[in-house]
Amino acid sequence: MKRFINYCKEAYTELVHKVSWPSYKELTNSAVVVLVASLVIAVVVWVMDLGFESVMKFIYKQII
């Protein structure tokens, strides 16, 4: 039990005194970057899906 209490105290001390937390502006900038990157990746995957769908429809029409 003493190990656990020491661990909690050390973790708290590290989080309060050693971790550098981002400012609100840095946090919002990072969130915008993640949002834009996610949207770009989603659009790329959607376009790839449409292309794959078209190719498969063409192949199935040729087979049938």
PDB file of N, CA and C in Angstrom:
ATOM      1  N   MET A   1       0.832  -1.196   0.000  1.00  0.00           N
ATOM      2  CA  MET A   1       0.000   0.000   0.000  1.00  0.00           C
ATOM      3  C   MET A   1       0.871   1.251   0.000  1.00  0.00           C
ATOM      4  N   LYS A   2       2.001   1.182   0.709  1.00  0.00           N
ATOM      5  CA  LYS A   2       2.884   2.341   0.781  1.00  0.00           C
ATOM      6  C   LYS A   2       3.475   2.669  -0.596  1.00  0.00           C
ATOM      7  N   ARG A   3       3.772   1.625  -1.384  1.00  0.00           N
ATOM      8  CA  ARG A   3       4.287   1.838  -2.744  1.00  0.00           C
ATOM      9  C   ARG A   3       3.274   2.597  -3.587  1.00  0.00           C
ATOM     10  N   PHE A   4       2.031   2.216  -3.463  1.00  0.00           N
ATOM     11  CA  PHE A   4       0.971   2.863  -4.241  1.00  0.00           C
ATOM     12  C   PHE A   4       0.845   4.338  -3.870  1.00  0.00           C
ATOM     13  N   ILE A   5       0.909   4.633  -2.562  1.00  0.00           N
ATOM     14  CA  ILE A   5       0.793   6.023  -2.102  1.00  0.00           C
ATOM     15  C   ILE A   5       1.990   6.840  -2.608  1.00  0.00           C
ATOM     16  N   ASN A   6       3.187   6.260  -2.525  1.00  0.00           N
ATOM     17  CA  ASN A   6       4.371   6.950  -3.039  1.00  0.00           C
ATOM     18  C   ASN A   6       4.269   7.178  -4.541  1.00  0.00           C
ATOM     19  N   TYR A   7       3.768   6.177  -5.247  1.00  0.00           N
ATOM     20  CA  TYR A   7       3.590   6.312  -6.695  1.00  0.00           C
ATOM     21  C   TYR A   7       2.633   7.459  -7.016  1.00  0.00           C
ATOM     22  N   CYS A   8       1.519   7.530  -6.314  1.00  0.00           N
ATOM     23  CA  CYS A   8       0.538   8.595  -6.542  1.00  0.00           C
ATOM     24  C   CYS A   8       1.134   9.964  -6.247  1.00  0.00           C
ATOM     25  N   LYS A   9       1.898  10.073  -5.160  1.00  0.00           N
ATOM     26  CA  LYS A   9       2.532  11.351  -4.811  1.00  0.00           C
ATOM     27  C   LYS A   9       3.537  11.768  -5.882  1.00  0.00           C
ATOM     28  N   GLU A  10       4.353  10.823  -6.342  1.00  0.00           N
ATOM     29  CA  GLU A  10       5.346  11.130  -7.367  1.00  0.00           C
ATOM     30  C   GLU A  10       4.683  11.495  -8.694  1.00  0.00           C
ATOM     31  N   ALA A  11       3.627  10.787  -9.036  1.00  0.00           N
ATOM     32  CA  ALA A  11       2.912  11.098 -10.274  1.00  0.00           C
ATOM     33  C   ALA A  11       2.303  12.493 -10.214  1.00  0.00           C
ATOM     34  N   TYR A  12       1.711  12.836  -9.082  1.00  0.00           N
ATOM     35  CA  TYR A  12       1.121  14.165  -8.906  1.00  0.00           C
ATOM     36  C   TYR A  12       2.198  15.243  -9.006  1.00  0.00           C
ATOM     37  N   THR A  13       3.308  15.026  -8.321  1.00  0.00           N
ATOM     38  CA  THR A  13       4.408  15.995  -8.348  1.00  0.00           C
ATOM     39  C   THR A  13       4.923  16.191  -9.770  1.00  0.00           C
ATOM     40  N   GLU A  14       5.065  15.112 -10.502  1.00  0.00           N
ATOM     41  CA  GLU A  14       5.552  15.213 -11.875  1.00  0.00           C
ATOM     42  C   GLU A  14       4.555  15.955 -12.757  1.00  0.00           C
ATOM     43  N   LEU A  15       3.273  15.646 -12.610  1.00  0.00           N
ATOM     44  CA  LEU A  15       2.265  16.325 -13.427  1.00  0.00           C
ATOM     45  C   LEU A  15       2.181  17.819 -13.121  1.00  0.00           C
ATOM     46  N   VAL A  16       2.347  18.183 -11.866  1.00  0.00           N
ATOM     47  CA  VAL A  16       2.208  19.590 -11.472  1.00  0.00           C
ATOM     48  C   VAL A  16       3.469  20.392 -11.785  1.00  0.00           C
ATOM     49  N   HIS A  17       4.652  19.811 -11.555  1.00  0.00           N
ATOM     50  CA  HIS A  17       5.876  20.597 -11.617  1.00  0.00           C
ATOM     51  C   HIS A  17       6.752  20.333 -12.844  1.00  0.00           C
ATOM     52  N   LYS A  18       6.634  19.172 -13.467  1.00  0.00           N
ATOM     53  CA  LYS A  18       7.562  18.839 -14.554  1.00  0.00           C
ATOM     54  C   LYS A  18       6.922  18.837 -15.933  1.00  0.00           C
ATOM     55  N   VAL A  19       5.626  18.669 -16.013  1.00  0.00           N
ATOM     56  CA  VAL A  19       4.949  18.609 -17.311  1.00  0.00           C
ATOM     57  C   VAL A  19       4.665  20.025 -17.787  1.00  0.00           C
ATOM     58  N   SER A  20       4.956  20.280 -19.062  1.00  0.00           N
ATOM     59  CA  SER A  20       4.624  21.599 -19.627  1.00  0.00           C
ATOM     60  C   SER A  20       3.298  21.466 -20.373  1.00  0.00           C
ATOM     61  N   TRP A  21       2.293  22.118 -19.866  1.00  0.00           N
ATOM     62  CA  TRP A  21       0.966  22.047 -20.447  1.00  0.00           C
ATOM     63  C   TRP A  21       0.824  23.099 -21.538  1.00  0.00           C
ATOM     64  N   PRO A  22       0.146  22.777 -22.641  1.00  0.00           N
ATOM     65  CA  PRO A  22      -0.001  23.759 -23.726  1.00  0.00           C
ATOM     66  C   PRO A  22      -0.951  24.883 -23.316  1.00  0.00           C
ATOM     67  N   SER A  23      -0.726  26.037 -23.933  1.00  0.00           N
ATOM     68  CA  SER A  23      -1.633  27.158 -23.693  1.00  0.00           C
ATOM     69  C   SER A  23      -2.930  26.909 -24.467  1.00  0.00           C
ATOM     70  N   TYR A  24      -3.924  27.724 -24.183  1.00  0.00           N
ATOM     71  CA  TYR A  24      -5.216  27.573 -24.869  1.00  0.00           C
ATOM     72  C   TYR A  24      -5.044  27.769 -26.369  1.00  0.00           C
ATOM     73  N   LYS A  25      -4.232  28.745 -26.767  1.00  0.00           N
ATOM     74  CA  LYS A  25      -4.017  29.014 -28.191  1.00  0.00           C
ATOM     75  C   LYS A  25      -3.320  27.827 -28.864  1.00  0.00           C
ATOM     76  N   GLU A  26      -2.294  27.272 -28.225  1.00  0.00           N
ATOM     77  CA  GLU A  26      -1.605  26.111 -28.775  1.00  0.00           C
ATOM     78  C   GLU A  26      -2.553  24.922 -28.902  1.00  0.00           C
ATOM     79  N   LEU A  27      -3.396  24.767 -27.912  1.00  0.00           N
ATOM     80  CA  LEU A  27      -4.345  23.662 -27.907  1.00  0.00           C
ATOM     81  C   LEU A  27      -5.362  23.792 -29.036  1.00  0.00           C
ATOM     82  N   THR A  28      -5.892  24.997 -29.235  1.00  0.00           N
ATOM     83  CA  THR A  28      -6.864  25.195 -30.316  1.00  0.00           C
ATOM     84  C   THR A  28      -6.196  25.055 -31.675  1.00  0.00           C
ATOM     85  N   ASN A  29      -4.957  25.541 -31.810  1.00  0.00           N
ATOM     86  CA  ASN A  29      -4.245  25.371 -33.082  1.00  0.00           C
ATOM     87  C   ASN A  29      -4.032  23.895 -33.398  1.00  0.00           C
ATOM     88  N   SER A  30      -3.645  23.140 -32.396  1.00  0.00           N
ATOM     89  CA  SER A  30      -3.443  21.703 -32.602  1.00  0.00           C
ATOM     90  C   SER A  30      -4.752  21.005 -32.956  1.00  0.00           C
ATOM     91  N   ALA A  31      -5.839  21.413 -32.313  1.00  0.00           N
ATOM     92  CA  ALA A  31      -7.135  20.807 -32.603  1.00  0.00           C
ATOM     93  C   ALA A  31      -7.554  21.102 -34.035  1.00  0.00           C
ATOM     94  N   VAL A  32      -7.292  22.318 -34.509  1.00  0.00           N
ATOM     95  CA  VAL A  32      -7.631  22.673 -35.892  1.00  0.00           C
ATOM     96  C   VAL A  32      -6.794  21.852 -36.869  1.00  0.00           C
ATOM     97  N   VAL A  33      -5.527  21.674 -36.581  1.00  0.00           N
ATOM     98  CA  VAL A  33      -4.659  20.869 -37.447  1.00  0.00           C
ATOM     99  C   VAL A  33      -5.170  19.435 -37.528  1.00  0.00           C
ATOM    100  N   VAL A  34      -5.540  18.866 -36.386  1.00  0.00           N
ATOM    101  CA  VAL A  34      -6.060  17.494 -36.366  1.00  0.00           C
ATOM    102  C   VAL A  34      -7.376  17.409 -37.133  1.00  0.00           C
ATOM    103  N   LEU A  35      -8.244  18.396 -36.968  1.00  0.00           N
ATOM    104  CA  LEU A  35      -9.527  18.409 -37.674  1.00  0.00           C
ATOM    105  C   LEU A  35      -9.325  18.471 -39.179  1.00  0.00           C
ATOM    106  N   VAL A  36      -8.467  19.363 -39.636  1.00  0.00           N
ATOM    107  CA  VAL A  36      -8.218  19.499 -41.075  1.00  0.00           C
ATOM    108  C   VAL A  36      -7.587  18.229 -41.631  1.00  0.00           C
ATOM    109  N   ALA A  37      -6.606  17.687 -40.936  1.00  0.00           N
ATOM    110  CA  ALA A  37      -5.961  16.450 -41.391  1.00  0.00           C
ATOM    111  C   ALA A  37      -6.963  15.305 -41.461  1.00  0.00           C
ATOM    112  N   SER A  38      -7.848  15.219 -40.483  1.00  0.00           N
ATOM    113  CA  SER A  38      -8.867  14.157 -40.480  1.00  0.00           C
ATOM    114  C   SER A  38      -9.812  14.315 -41.665  1.00  0.00           C
ATOM    115  N   LEU A  39     -10.210  15.544 -41.943  1.00  0.00           N
ATOM    116  CA  LEU A  39     -11.103  15.780 -43.086  1.00  0.00           C
ATOM    117  C   LEU A  39     -10.417  15.445 -44.406  1.00  0.00           C
ATOM    118  N   VAL A  40      -9.160  15.829 -44.547  1.00  0.00           N
ATOM    119  CA  VAL A  40      -8.422  15.528 -45.779  1.00  0.00           C
ATOM    120  C   VAL A  40      -8.297  14.023 -45.964  1.00  0.00           C
ATOM    121  N   ILE A  41      -7.946  13.315 -44.914  1.00  0.00           N
ATOM    122  CA  ILE A  41      -7.817  11.854 -45.008  1.00  0.00           C
ATOM    123  C   ILE A  41      -9.165  11.219 -45.329  1.00  0.00           C
ATOM    124  N   ALA A  42     -10.238  11.717 -44.718  1.00  0.00           N
ATOM    125  CA  ALA A  42     -11.569  11.167 -44.992  1.00  0.00           C
ATOM    126  C   ALA A  42     -11.946  11.372 -46.451  1.00  0.00           C
ATOM    127  N   VAL A  43     -11.639  12.534 -47.004  1.00  0.00           N
ATOM    128  CA  VAL A  43     -11.962  12.796 -48.412  1.00  0.00           C
ATOM    129  C   VAL A  43     -11.133  11.899 -49.327  1.00  0.00           C
ATOM    130  N   VAL A  44      -9.861  11.724 -49.006  1.00  0.00           N
ATOM    131  CA  VAL A  44      -9.005  10.846 -49.818  1.00  0.00           C
ATOM    132  C   VAL A  44      -9.535   9.412 -49.797  1.00  0.00           C
ATOM    133  N   VAL A  45      -9.907   8.921 -48.627  1.00  0.00           N
ATOM    134  CA  VAL A  45     -10.446   7.558 -48.525  1.00  0.00           C
ATOM    135  C   VAL A  45     -11.762   7.451 -49.281  1.00  0.00           C
ATOM    136  N   TRP A  46     -12.604   8.487 -49.206  1.00  0.00           N
ATOM    137  CA  TRP A  46     -13.886   8.480 -49.919  1.00  0.00           C
ATOM    138  C   TRP A  46     -13.659   8.419 -51.433  1.00  0.00           C
ATOM    139  N   VAL A  47     -12.715   9.217 -51.932  1.00  0.00           N
ATOM    140  CA  VAL A  47     -12.417   9.214 -53.371  1.00  0.00           C
ATOM    141  C   VAL A  47     -11.859   7.854 -53.795  1.00  0.00           C
ATOM    142  N   MET A  48     -10.992   7.281 -52.988  1.00  0.00           N
ATOM    143  CA  MET A  48     -10.463   5.951 -53.293  1.00  0.00           C
ATOM    144  C   MET A  48     -11.581   4.917 -53.317  1.00  0.00           C
ATOM    145  N   ASP A  49     -12.525   5.030 -52.389  1.00  0.00           N
ATOM    146  CA  ASP A  49     -13.659   4.113 -52.341  1.00  0.00           C
ATOM    147  C   ASP A  49     -14.515   4.239 -53.597  1.00  0.00           C
ATOM    148  N   LEU A  50     -14.777   5.475 -54.025  1.00  0.00           N
ATOM    149  CA  LEU A  50     -15.552   5.676 -55.252  1.00  0.00           C
ATOM    150  C   LEU A  50     -14.829   5.089 -56.458  1.00  0.00           C
ATOM    151  N   GLY A  51     -13.527   5.299 -56.517  1.00  0.00           N
ATOM    152  CA  GLY A  51     -12.749   4.744 -57.622  1.00  0.00           C
ATOM    153  C   GLY A  51     -12.772   3.229 -57.617  1.00  0.00           C
ATOM    154  N   PHE A  52     -12.589   2.635 -56.462  1.00  0.00           N
ATOM    155  CA  PHE A  52     -12.615   1.178 -56.355  1.00  0.00           C
ATOM    156  C   PHE A  52     -13.993   0.640 -56.734  1.00  0.00           C
ATOM    157  N   GLU A  53     -15.050   1.335 -56.302  1.00  0.00           N
ATOM    158  CA  GLU A  53     -16.403   0.925 -56.648  1.00  0.00           C
ATOM    159  C   GLU A  53     -16.612   0.947 -58.162  1.00  0.00           C
ATOM    160  N   SER A  54     -16.128   1.993 -58.814  1.00  0.00           N
ATOM    161  CA  SER A  54     -16.268   2.097 -60.272  1.00  0.00           C
ATOM    162  C   SER A  54     -15.511   0.975 -60.980  1.00  0.00           C
ATOM    163  N   VAL A  55     -14.312   0.698 -60.525  1.00  0.00           N
ATOM    164  CA  VAL A  55     -13.514  -0.377 -61.131  1.00  0.00           C
ATOM    165  C   VAL A  55     -14.216  -1.717 -60.955  1.00  0.00           C
ATOM    166  N   MET A  56     -14.730  -1.983 -59.770  1.00  0.00           N
ATOM    167  CA  MET A  56     -15.392  -3.262 -59.524  1.00  0.00           C
ATOM    168  C   MET A  56     -16.677  -3.393 -60.341  1.00  0.00           C
ATOM    169  N   LYS A  57     -17.438  -2.305 -60.477  1.00  0.00           N
ATOM    170  CA  LYS A  57     -18.645  -2.353 -61.313  1.00  0.00           C
ATOM    171  C   LYS A  57     -18.274  -2.661 -62.755  1.00  0.00           C
ATOM    172  N   PHE A  58     -17.196  -2.029 -63.251  1.00  0.00           N
ATOM    173  CA  PHE A  58     -16.746  -2.304 -64.615  1.00  0.00           C
ATOM    174  C   PHE A  58     -16.353  -3.767 -64.778  1.00  0.00           C
ATOM    175  N   ILE A  59     -15.600  -4.294 -63.833  1.00  0.00           N
ATOM    176  CA  ILE A  59     -15.170  -5.694 -63.901  1.00  0.00           C
ATOM    177  C   ILE A  59     -16.367  -6.628 -63.872  1.00  0.00           C
ATOM    178  N   TYR A  60     -17.333  -6.371 -62.972  1.00  0.00           N
ATOM    179  CA  TYR A  60     -18.504  -7.234 -62.891  1.00  0.00           C
ATOM    180  C   TYR A  60     -19.357  -7.163 -64.162  1.00  0.00           C
ATOM    181  N   LYS A  61     -19.428  -6.010 -64.795  1.00  0.00           N
ATOM    182  CA  LYS A  61     -20.178  -5.896 -66.046  1.00  0.00           C
ATOM    183  C   LYS A  61     -19.505  -6.690 -67.142  1.00  0.00           C
ATOM    184  N   GLN A  62     -18.176  -6.728 -67.135  1.00  0.00           N
ATOM    185  CA  GLN A  62     -17.445  -7.487 -68.144  1.00  0.00           C
ATOM    186  C   GLN A  62     -17.603  -8.999 -67.939  1.00  0.00           C
ATOM    187  N   ILE A  63     -17.721  -9.419 -66.690  1.00  0.00           N
ATOM    188  CA  ILE A  63     -17.852 -10.839 -66.383  1.00  0.00           C
ATOM    189  C   ILE A  63     -19.250 -11.327 -66.694  1.00  0.00           C
ATOM    190  N   ILE A  64     -20.254 -10.537 -66.338  1.00  0.00           N
ATOM    191  CA  ILE A  64     -21.645 -10.972 -66.487  1.00  0.00           C
ATOM    192  C   ILE A  64     -22.196 -10.630 -67.823  1.00  0.00           C
TER     193      ILE A  64
END
